[in-house]
Amino acid sequence: MTDFPGFSPKAFKFLEGLTNNQNKIWFAEHRTEYEEYVREPMKLFTEVLSESLARADIPLWGDPKRSLFRINRDARFSKAKHPYNMHASGLFTRTGDKHSPGVLYFRLDPLGSRCAAGYLQPESHILKRLRQGILDNPTAWIAIEKSMRQKGFALDYSHTLARIPRGFNDVPRGIEHAIKLKGWIIRKQLSREVICSKELVNEVVNFAKDMLPLLSFGWHALNKYPD
């Protein structure tokens, strides 16, 4: 198994420079820095983390060719028109495809690197099945949330419906807030010291272990209530 030594501080220096120079000329002049300090290390990180997840019996993995997001942005439908992402990121899923539900996310960012896990902005038909899973297994859901809190994690409740969604009746009070969620996501901030060290992979693997009950709860619901 290959070790990942951590990202170089020069990765942050490049991304900070890109943030302040959102133009093709600057990027072309610094492309070798992008490849050496960001793109190639992200590929290696993806491979090493995938191996480590497999060794820990966590059914998530990433493909350097399919799982990483491009540095170029598609700004056609966005109010923000800057041409480049100011961070590097990737997704790890059960299939290695970014569109597979239930993800582990990693983000290398000079403004605050992090990992995250859950079901972020799922399509409506997937969200309906996740909600049904909560409604049918309220005790299990409450236990998972309690376990997460004991480990220092909490679901992001900033994106919820104002009312119980249509079609969900007799929702117990203890899970009303969860049924209103538009997605399930838990984040963990990663310091630059960790990002630039050999401990990075272990940190993300341990986070994934803690998140596995949440992801598994969702996978079970998706399997139980097919489209």
C-alpha atoms as a PDB file:
ATOM      1  CA  MET A   1       0.000   0.000   0.000  1.00  0.00           C
ATOM      2  CA  THR A   2       1.364   3.403  -1.008  1.00  0.00           C
ATOM      3  CA  ASP A   3       1.614   6.105   1.647  1.00  0.00           C
ATOM      4  CA  PHE A   4       0.308   9.601   1.098  1.00  0.00           C
ATOM      5  CA  PRO A   5       2.701  12.165   2.605  1.00  0.00           C
ATOM      6  CA  GLY A   6       0.151  14.963   2.787  1.00  0.00           C
ATOM      7  CA  PHE A   7      -0.307  17.935   0.496  1.00  0.00           C
ATOM      8  CA  SER A   8       2.474  20.451   0.069  1.00  0.00           C
ATOM      9  CA  PRO A   9       1.903  23.961   1.457  1.00  0.00           C
ATOM     10  CA  LYS A  10       2.562  25.024  -2.124  1.00  0.00           C
ATOM     11  CA  ALA A  11      -0.886  23.648  -3.004  1.00  0.00           C
ATOM     12  CA  PHE A  12      -2.427  26.348  -0.830  1.00  0.00           C
ATOM     13  CA  LYS A  13      -0.106  28.944  -2.314  1.00  0.00           C
ATOM     14  CA  PHE A  14      -1.249  28.012  -5.826  1.00  0.00           C
ATOM     15  CA  LEU A  15      -4.960  28.076  -4.897  1.00  0.00           C
ATOM     16  CA  GLU A  16      -4.552  31.425  -3.158  1.00  0.00           C
ATOM     17  CA  GLY A  17      -2.851  32.789  -6.261  1.00  0.00           C
ATOM     18  CA  LEU A  18      -5.624  31.417  -8.460  1.00  0.00           C
ATOM     19  CA  THR A  19      -8.224  33.056  -6.220  1.00  0.00           C
ATOM     20  CA  ASN A  20      -6.598  36.427  -6.858  1.00  0.00           C
ATOM     21  CA  ASN A  21      -5.919  35.803 -10.559  1.00  0.00           C
ATOM     22  CA  GLN A  22      -9.034  34.392 -12.179  1.00  0.00           C
ATOM     23  CA  ASN A  23      -7.842  34.539 -15.764  1.00  0.00           C
ATOM     24  CA  LYS A  24      -6.541  32.137 -18.380  1.00  0.00           C
ATOM     25  CA  ILE A  25      -3.194  33.857 -18.806  1.00  0.00           C
ATOM     26  CA  TRP A  26      -2.247  33.477 -15.133  1.00  0.00           C
ATOM     27  CA  PHE A  27      -3.447  29.884 -15.051  1.00  0.00           C
ATOM     28  CA  ALA A  28      -1.443  29.001 -18.166  1.00  0.00           C
ATOM     29  CA  GLU A  29       1.683  30.520 -16.626  1.00  0.00           C
ATOM     30  CA  HIS A  30       1.179  28.484 -13.420  1.00  0.00           C
ATOM     31  CA  ARG A  31      -0.219  25.253 -14.877  1.00  0.00           C
ATOM     32  CA  THR A  32       2.879  23.255 -13.898  1.00  0.00           C
ATOM     33  CA  GLU A  33       2.329  24.283 -10.259  1.00  0.00           C
ATOM     34  CA  TYR A  34      -1.293  23.154 -10.495  1.00  0.00           C
ATOM     35  CA  GLU A  35      -0.285  19.769 -11.887  1.00  0.00           C
ATOM     36  CA  GLU A  36       2.581  19.242  -9.413  1.00  0.00           C
ATOM     37  CA  TYR A  37       1.000  20.470  -6.197  1.00  0.00           C
ATOM     38  CA  VAL A  38      -2.743  20.027  -6.699  1.00  0.00           C
ATOM     39  CA  ARG A  39      -3.877  17.736  -9.510  1.00  0.00           C
ATOM     40  CA  GLU A  40      -1.345  14.889  -9.221  1.00  0.00           C
ATOM     41  CA  PRO A  41      -1.428  14.828  -5.384  1.00  0.00           C
ATOM     42  CA  MET A  42      -5.239  14.751  -5.511  1.00  0.00           C
ATOM     43  CA  LYS A  43      -5.039  11.706  -7.763  1.00  0.00           C
ATOM     44  CA  LEU A  44      -2.621   9.957  -5.418  1.00  0.00           C
ATOM     45  CA  PHE A  45      -4.725  10.900  -2.401  1.00  0.00           C
ATOM     46  CA  THR A  46      -7.786   9.411  -4.124  1.00  0.00           C
ATOM     47  CA  GLU A  47      -5.972   6.126  -4.743  1.00  0.00           C
ATOM     48  CA  VAL A  48      -4.474   5.846  -1.257  1.00  0.00           C
ATOM     49  CA  LEU A  49      -7.679   6.809   0.513  1.00  0.00           C
ATOM     50  CA  SER A  50      -9.636   4.282  -1.562  1.00  0.00           C
ATOM     51  CA  GLU A  51      -7.193   1.538  -0.548  1.00  0.00           C
ATOM     52  CA  SER A  52      -7.439   2.566   3.101  1.00  0.00           C
ATOM     53  CA  LEU A  53     -11.232   2.621   3.023  1.00  0.00           C
ATOM     54  CA  ALA A  54     -11.274  -0.869   1.545  1.00  0.00           C
ATOM     55  CA  ARG A  55      -8.915  -2.147   4.266  1.00  0.00           C
ATOM     56  CA  ALA A  56     -11.291  -0.690   6.857  1.00  0.00           C
ATOM     57  CA  ASP A  57     -14.303  -2.426   5.204  1.00  0.00           C
ATOM     58  CA  ILE A  58     -15.886   0.890   4.285  1.00  0.00           C
ATOM     59  CA  PRO A  59     -17.672   0.492   0.911  1.00  0.00           C
ATOM     60  CA  LEU A  60     -16.550   3.790  -0.592  1.00  0.00           C
ATOM     61  CA  TRP A  61     -13.912   4.446  -3.199  1.00  0.00           C
ATOM     62  CA  GLY A  62     -12.853   6.979  -5.773  1.00  0.00           C
ATOM     63  CA  ASP A  63     -11.423   6.900  -9.263  1.00  0.00           C
ATOM     64  CA  PRO A  64      -8.833   9.589 -10.112  1.00  0.00           C
ATOM     65  CA  LYS A  65     -10.388   9.909 -13.565  1.00  0.00           C
ATOM     66  CA  ARG A  66     -14.063  10.053 -12.525  1.00  0.00           C
ATOM     67  CA  SER A  67     -14.248  11.163  -8.906  1.00  0.00           C
ATOM     68  CA  LEU A  68     -12.370  14.462  -8.962  1.00  0.00           C
ATOM     69  CA  PHE A  69     -13.968  17.750  -9.931  1.00  0.00           C
ATOM     70  CA  ARG A  70     -12.371  19.818 -12.677  1.00  0.00           C
ATOM     71  CA  ILE A  71     -10.600  23.051 -11.835  1.00  0.00           C
ATOM     72  CA  ASN A  72     -12.480  24.757 -14.690  1.00  0.00           C
ATOM     73  CA  ARG A  73     -15.969  25.950 -13.813  1.00  0.00           C
ATOM     74  CA  ASP A  74     -19.069  25.821 -15.988  1.00  0.00           C
ATOM     75  CA  ALA A  75     -20.306  29.340 -15.277  1.00  0.00           C
ATOM     76  CA  ARG A  76     -23.063  29.414 -17.910  1.00  0.00           C
ATOM     77  CA  PHE A  77     -25.885  29.018 -15.385  1.00  0.00           C
ATOM     78  CA  SER A  78     -24.200  30.652 -12.399  1.00  0.00           C
ATOM     79  CA  LYS A  79     -24.272  34.245 -11.208  1.00  0.00           C
ATOM     80  CA  ALA A  80     -20.587  33.873 -10.273  1.00  0.00           C
ATOM     81  CA  LYS A  81     -18.662  34.051 -13.538  1.00  0.00           C
ATOM     82  CA  HIS A  82     -15.112  33.277 -12.372  1.00  0.00           C
ATOM     83  CA  PRO A  83     -13.684  30.599 -14.706  1.00  0.00           C
ATOM     84  CA  TYR A  84     -11.821  28.479 -12.124  1.00  0.00           C
ATOM     85  CA  ASN A  85     -12.695  26.770  -8.883  1.00  0.00           C
ATOM     86  CA  MET A  86     -10.648  28.145  -6.016  1.00  0.00           C
ATOM     87  CA  HIS A  87     -10.379  24.745  -4.364  1.00  0.00           C
ATOM     88  CA  ALA A  88      -9.857  21.107  -5.358  1.00  0.00           C
ATOM     89  CA  SER A  89     -12.327  18.389  -4.409  1.00  0.00           C
ATOM     90  CA  GLY A  90     -13.566  14.884  -5.029  1.00  0.00           C
ATOM     91  CA  LEU A  91     -16.266  12.378  -4.094  1.00  0.00           C
ATOM     92  CA  PHE A  92     -16.006   8.788  -2.881  1.00  0.00           C
ATOM     93  CA  THR A  93     -19.042   6.540  -3.373  1.00  0.00           C
ATOM     94  CA  ARG A  94     -20.013   2.868  -3.459  1.00  0.00           C
ATOM     95  CA  THR A  95     -19.523   2.747  -7.244  1.00  0.00           C
ATOM     96  CA  GLY A  96     -16.745   5.309  -7.667  1.00  0.00           C
ATOM     97  CA  ASP A  97     -19.155   7.418  -9.709  1.00  0.00           C
ATOM     98  CA  LYS A  98     -19.907  10.957  -8.502  1.00  0.00           C
ATOM     99  CA  HIS A  99     -23.648  10.436  -9.068  1.00  0.00           C
ATOM    100  CA  SER A 100     -24.028   7.451  -6.751  1.00  0.00           C
ATOM    101  CA  PRO A 101     -26.059   8.416  -3.627  1.00  0.00           C
ATOM    102  CA  GLY A 102     -24.351   8.381  -0.250  1.00  0.00           C
ATOM    103  CA  VAL A 103     -20.966  10.095  -0.497  1.00  0.00           C
ATOM    104  CA  LEU A 104     -17.741  10.931   1.262  1.00  0.00           C
ATOM    105  CA  TYR A 105     -16.476  14.328   0.121  1.00  0.00           C
ATOM    106  CA  PHE A 106     -13.008  15.852   0.409  1.00  0.00           C
ATOM    107  CA  ARG A 107     -12.115  19.475  -0.245  1.00  0.00           C
ATOM    108  CA  LEU A 108      -8.678  21.093  -0.373  1.00  0.00           C
ATOM    109  CA  ASP A 109      -9.342  24.771   0.214  1.00  0.00           C
ATOM    110  CA  PRO A 110      -7.160  27.682   1.387  1.00  0.00           C
ATOM    111  CA  LEU A 111     -10.229  29.129   3.125  1.00  0.00           C
ATOM    112  CA  GLY A 112     -10.850  25.927   5.088  1.00  0.00           C
ATOM    113  CA  SER A 113     -10.299  22.330   4.013  1.00  0.00           C
ATOM    114  CA  ARG A 114     -12.808  19.713   5.084  1.00  0.00           C
ATOM    115  CA  CYS A 115     -14.381  16.352   4.559  1.00  0.00           C
ATOM    116  CA  ALA A 116     -18.097  15.655   4.607  1.00  0.00           C
ATOM    117  CA  ALA A 117     -20.471  12.727   4.268  1.00  0.00           C
ATOM    118  CA  GLY A 118     -24.128  12.064   3.628  1.00  0.00           C
ATOM    119  CA  TYR A 119     -26.733  12.743   0.964  1.00  0.00           C
ATOM    120  CA  LEU A 120     -26.214  16.287  -0.285  1.00  0.00           C
ATOM    121  CA  GLN A 121     -29.011  17.811  -2.379  1.00  0.00           C
ATOM    122  CA  PRO A 122     -30.442  14.445  -3.453  1.00  0.00           C
ATOM    123  CA  GLU A 123     -32.900  14.263  -6.312  1.00  0.00           C
ATOM    124  CA  SER A 124     -36.547  14.371  -5.254  1.00  0.00           C
ATOM    125  CA  HIS A 125     -37.204  10.667  -5.812  1.00  0.00           C
ATOM    126  CA  ILE A 126     -34.172   9.756  -3.682  1.00  0.00           C
ATOM    127  CA  LEU A 127     -35.069  12.252  -0.960  1.00  0.00           C
ATOM    128  CA  LYS A 128     -38.575  10.814  -0.738  1.00  0.00           C
ATOM    129  CA  ARG A 129     -37.167   7.334  -0.084  1.00  0.00           C
ATOM    130  CA  LEU A 130     -34.720   8.657   2.518  1.00  0.00           C
ATOM    131  CA  ARG A 131     -37.580  10.376   4.338  1.00  0.00           C
ATOM    132  CA  GLN A 132     -39.635   7.205   4.207  1.00  0.00           C
ATOM    133  CA  GLY A 133     -36.741   5.367   5.808  1.00  0.00           C
ATOM    134  CA  ILE A 134     -36.792   7.821   8.726  1.00  0.00           C
ATOM    135  CA  LEU A 135     -40.573   7.554   9.086  1.00  0.00           C
ATOM    136  CA  ASP A 136     -40.490   3.751   9.124  1.00  0.00           C
ATOM    137  CA  ASN A 137     -37.509   3.530  11.496  1.00  0.00           C
ATOM    138  CA  PRO A 138     -37.736   6.519  13.843  1.00  0.00           C
ATOM    139  CA  THR A 139     -36.014   4.767  16.755  1.00  0.00           C
ATOM    140  CA  ALA A 140     -33.033   3.789  14.607  1.00  0.00           C
ATOM    141  CA  TRP A 141     -32.781   7.304  13.172  1.00  0.00           C
ATOM    142  CA  ILE A 142     -32.877   8.951  16.592  1.00  0.00           C
ATOM    143  CA  ALA A 143     -30.199   6.531  17.809  1.00  0.00           C
ATOM    144  CA  ILE A 144     -27.949   7.421  14.866  1.00  0.00           C
ATOM    145  CA  GLU A 145     -28.314  11.153  15.505  1.00  0.00           C
ATOM    146  CA  LYS A 146     -27.564  10.618  19.192  1.00  0.00           C
ATOM    147  CA  SER A 147     -24.470   8.573  18.364  1.00  0.00           C
ATOM    148  CA  MET A 148     -23.278  11.281  15.959  1.00  0.00           C
ATOM    149  CA  ARG A 149     -23.673  13.972  18.608  1.00  0.00           C
ATOM    150  CA  GLN A 150     -21.723  11.886  21.119  1.00  0.00           C
ATOM    151  CA  LYS A 151     -18.877  11.765  18.603  1.00  0.00           C
ATOM    152  CA  GLY A 152     -19.022  15.523  18.158  1.00  0.00           C
ATOM    153  CA  PHE A 153     -20.905  15.601  14.843  1.00  0.00           C
ATOM    154  CA  ALA A 154     -24.266  17.070  13.909  1.00  0.00           C
ATOM    155  CA  LEU A 155     -26.375  17.109  10.773  1.00  0.00           C
ATOM    156  CA  ASP A 156     -26.660  20.422   8.976  1.00  0.00           C
ATOM    157  CA  TYR A 157     -30.218  21.630   9.591  1.00  0.00           C
ATOM    158  CA  SER A 158     -29.812  24.925   7.725  1.00  0.00           C
ATOM    159  CA  HIS A 159     -31.701  23.623   4.659  1.00  0.00           C
ATOM    160  CA  THR A 160     -35.142  22.355   5.670  1.00  0.00           C
ATOM    161  CA  LEU A 161     -38.745  22.686   4.589  1.00  0.00           C
ATOM    162  CA  ALA A 162     -41.059  24.944   6.578  1.00  0.00           C
ATOM    163  CA  ARG A 163     -43.685  22.178   6.773  1.00  0.00           C
ATOM    164  CA  ILE A 164     -43.883  18.398   6.728  1.00  0.00           C
ATOM    165  CA  PRO A 165     -43.621  17.369   3.043  1.00  0.00           C
ATOM    166  CA  ARG A 166     -46.747  16.303   1.229  1.00  0.00           C
ATOM    167  CA  GLY A 167     -47.518  12.604   1.485  1.00  0.00           C
ATOM    168  CA  PHE A 168     -45.993  12.118   4.940  1.00  0.00           C
ATOM    169  CA  ASN A 169     -48.704  11.736   7.544  1.00  0.00           C
ATOM    170  CA  ASP A 170     -48.705  11.000  11.276  1.00  0.00           C
ATOM    171  CA  VAL A 171     -45.054  11.948  11.645  1.00  0.00           C
ATOM    172  CA  PRO A 172     -43.875  11.519  15.272  1.00  0.00           C
ATOM    173  CA  ARG A 173     -42.803  14.794  16.858  1.00  0.00           C
ATOM    174  CA  GLY A 174     -39.297  13.457  17.539  1.00  0.00           C
ATOM    175  CA  ILE A 175     -38.498  13.140  13.822  1.00  0.00           C
ATOM    176  CA  GLU A 176     -40.462  16.047  12.346  1.00  0.00           C
ATOM    177  CA  HIS A 177     -37.300  18.120  11.978  1.00  0.00           C
ATOM    178  CA  ALA A 178     -35.522  15.243  10.215  1.00  0.00           C
ATOM    179  CA  ILE A 179     -38.393  14.611   7.786  1.00  0.00           C
ATOM    180  CA  LYS A 180     -38.168  18.283   6.739  1.00  0.00           C
ATOM    181  CA  LEU A 181     -34.493  18.008   5.792  1.00  0.00           C
ATOM    182  CA  LYS A 182     -33.639  18.636   2.144  1.00  0.00           C
ATOM    183  CA  GLY A 183     -30.550  16.463   2.475  1.00  0.00           C
ATOM    184  CA  TRP A 184     -28.285  14.828   5.049  1.00  0.00           C
ATOM    185  CA  ILE A 185     -24.792  16.231   5.446  1.00  0.00           C
ATOM    186  CA  ILE A 186     -22.182  16.227   8.214  1.00  0.00           C
ATOM    187  CA  ARG A 187     -18.891  18.117   7.878  1.00  0.00           C
ATOM    188  CA  LYS A 188     -15.500  17.928   9.570  1.00  0.00           C
ATOM    189  CA  GLN A 189     -12.979  20.745   9.291  1.00  0.00           C
ATOM    190  CA  LEU A 190      -9.373  19.765   8.567  1.00  0.00           C
ATOM    191  CA  SER A 191      -6.492  21.993   9.650  1.00  0.00           C
ATOM    192  CA  ARG A 192      -3.606  22.810   7.328  1.00  0.00           C
ATOM    193  CA  GLU A 193      -1.344  20.917   9.702  1.00  0.00           C
ATOM    194  CA  VAL A 194      -3.364  17.739   9.110  1.00  0.00           C
ATOM    195  CA  ILE A 195      -3.754  18.377   5.371  1.00  0.00           C
ATOM    196  CA  CYS A 196       0.029  18.612   4.996  1.00  0.00           C
ATOM    197  CA  SER A 197       0.788  15.514   7.083  1.00  0.00           C
ATOM    198  CA  LYS A 198       0.759  11.728   6.814  1.00  0.00           C
ATOM    199  CA  GLU A 199      -2.189  11.713   9.230  1.00  0.00           C
ATOM    200  CA  LEU A 200      -4.588  13.056   6.606  1.00  0.00           C
ATOM    201  CA  VAL A 201      -5.690   9.678   5.238  1.00  0.00           C
ATOM    202  CA  ASN A 202      -6.264   8.259   8.730  1.00  0.00           C
ATOM    203  CA  GLU A 203      -8.261  11.336   9.694  1.00  0.00           C
ATOM    204  CA  VAL A 204     -10.581  10.926   6.706  1.00  0.00           C
ATOM    205  CA  VAL A 205     -10.895   7.152   7.162  1.00  0.00           C
ATOM    206  CA  ASN A 206     -11.830   7.578  10.824  1.00  0.00           C
ATOM    207  CA  PHE A 207     -14.409  10.184   9.843  1.00  0.00           C
ATOM    208  CA  ALA A 208     -15.835   7.776   7.247  1.00  0.00           C
ATOM    209  CA  LYS A 209     -16.085   5.056   9.934  1.00  0.00           C
ATOM    210  CA  ASP A 210     -18.084   7.404  12.129  1.00  0.00           C
ATOM    211  CA  MET A 211     -20.359   8.317   9.207  1.00  0.00           C
ATOM    212  CA  LEU A 212     -20.965   4.758   8.009  1.00  0.00           C
ATOM    213  CA  PRO A 213     -24.134   4.235  10.133  1.00  0.00           C
ATOM    214  CA  LEU A 214     -25.699   7.325   8.556  1.00  0.00           C
ATOM    215  CA  LEU A 215     -24.733   6.294   5.038  1.00  0.00           C
ATOM    216  CA  SER A 216     -25.877   2.710   5.638  1.00  0.00           C
ATOM    217  CA  PHE A 217     -29.236   3.905   6.951  1.00  0.00           C
ATOM    218  CA  GLY A 218     -29.753   5.748   3.677  1.00  0.00           C
ATOM    219  CA  TRP A 219     -28.584   2.856   1.513  1.00  0.00           C
ATOM    220  CA  HIS A 220     -31.001   0.547   3.323  1.00  0.00           C
ATOM    221  CA  ALA A 221     -33.869   2.956   2.659  1.00  0.00           C
ATOM    222  CA  LEU A 222     -32.956   3.251  -1.016  1.00  0.00           C
ATOM    223  CA  ASN A 223     -32.854  -0.539  -1.364  1.00  0.00           C
ATOM    224  CA  LYS A 224     -36.125  -1.029   0.517  1.00  0.00           C
ATOM    225  CA  TYR A 225     -38.089   1.544  -1.449  1.00  0.00           C
ATOM    226  CA  PRO A 226     -37.023   1.209  -5.092  1.00  0.00           C
ATOM    227  CA  ASP A 227     -38.234   3.672  -7.732  1.00  0.00           C
END
